[in-house]
Amino acid sequence: MLATMLYGPGDLRFEEVPEPRIEKPTDAIIRLAASCVCGSDLWPFRGLQDVKAPQAMGHEYCGVVVEVGSAVTSVRPGQFIVGSFCISDNTCPHCRFGFQSSCENIEFMKGAQAPLARVPLADGTLVATPDIPSDDLIPGLLAASDVLGTGWYAADAAQVQPGATVAVVGDGAVGLMAVLAARQMGATRIIAMSRHKSRQDLALEFGATDIVTERGEDGIARIKEMTGNVGADCVLECVGTEQSMQQAIYAARPGGHIGYVGVPHGVTFDGAKLFFAQRSMLGGPAPVRRFLPDLIDLVLSRKIDPGKVFDLELPLSDVAEGYRAMDERRAIKSLLRV
């Protein structure tokens, strides 16, 4: 089959690879309905993350089960499934506490920018839908496997409550999903920090009440000004840079909560400043499996439409253009039809 491989910065190839097969009794093979490009895929594509050997790309996925290993009991061939980008057994102590992204047997999904993919630990990772969903729901279900679940975790980690004032740092797909999540959790005021018109418009559609274009110290000052020099109750950090993390911490009020889900690159902390800031912080790779059943229900019942975050749709064979469009900010998120 033809699948996406990354050989080095900018060297992305759609080339012939062996079809995946059952390697362990806990595996499942799925035929993808769609895949997509993630913002985190751009780090190695841009050369900001080492590529020491050719990498099979893609970790967001939904589709139909075609084969399962002998130990798999929760899904069967013919079922439509959505899975987390973090592979987990969903039975270890960390999973039982709801942190499947810290599973004792964790793996990270790979090879999903392809027609077929192998999913290890299928029982703990995959969630089946009641029926085969209609085609227009596929983008929303695909979003649930990572960006929606990650944005949801940012809001959950920041303890967004009804009536809260929330600031979202980052206007990529995860940041936009964080806006949607904050609205669903009842936040009254949602401040989206964005400089891009198309992303601002989508943030407003997802529930943002205010747009802030300033960044860094100016962004912090603007949030303080808008909140009577108090700061936001909750800040959702969805980028992963030094500037975005500092902006998130100091835009929150003392006693406020920061949920950080941007993969960190070059982030450092001043221990004394953090000590006196008196903010609560929780984040990391999102335990998407914890949220998947509820997110799937919200999508299937059409209460939310996270699939709107895909503003470019391409055939899988044009995956390289999907990367380029996101890298050049011509697209928020590229959907790849299989």
Foldseek 3Di string as FASTA:
>chain_A
DWAWKDAFAQRIDGGDDDADDDDDLQKWKFFFQWFWDDPVNVCRNHVVDDDPGIFFAGQQTKGFTCDHGNPDDQDDGPFIKGWAQKAALCPDPCSVVVPRNVHPPIDGAGNRLDRMGMHGNCNNTIDTDPHPDDPLLSLLSSCLRALLLQLLQFCVQQVQAAQFAEEEQDLFLNSLSVLLNSVVRHHPAYEYEDDDVVSVVSSVVSPHPHYHPDFAPVLLVVLCVVVVNFAGQEYRQAAAEQRSVVSRLSRHGQAHEGEYEHNHDHHDDDVVVSVVSNYHYDYYGGSSSSCSVVSVVCSRVVVDRSSVLAPAEDASNVVSVQSVCVVVVVHSMYMHGD
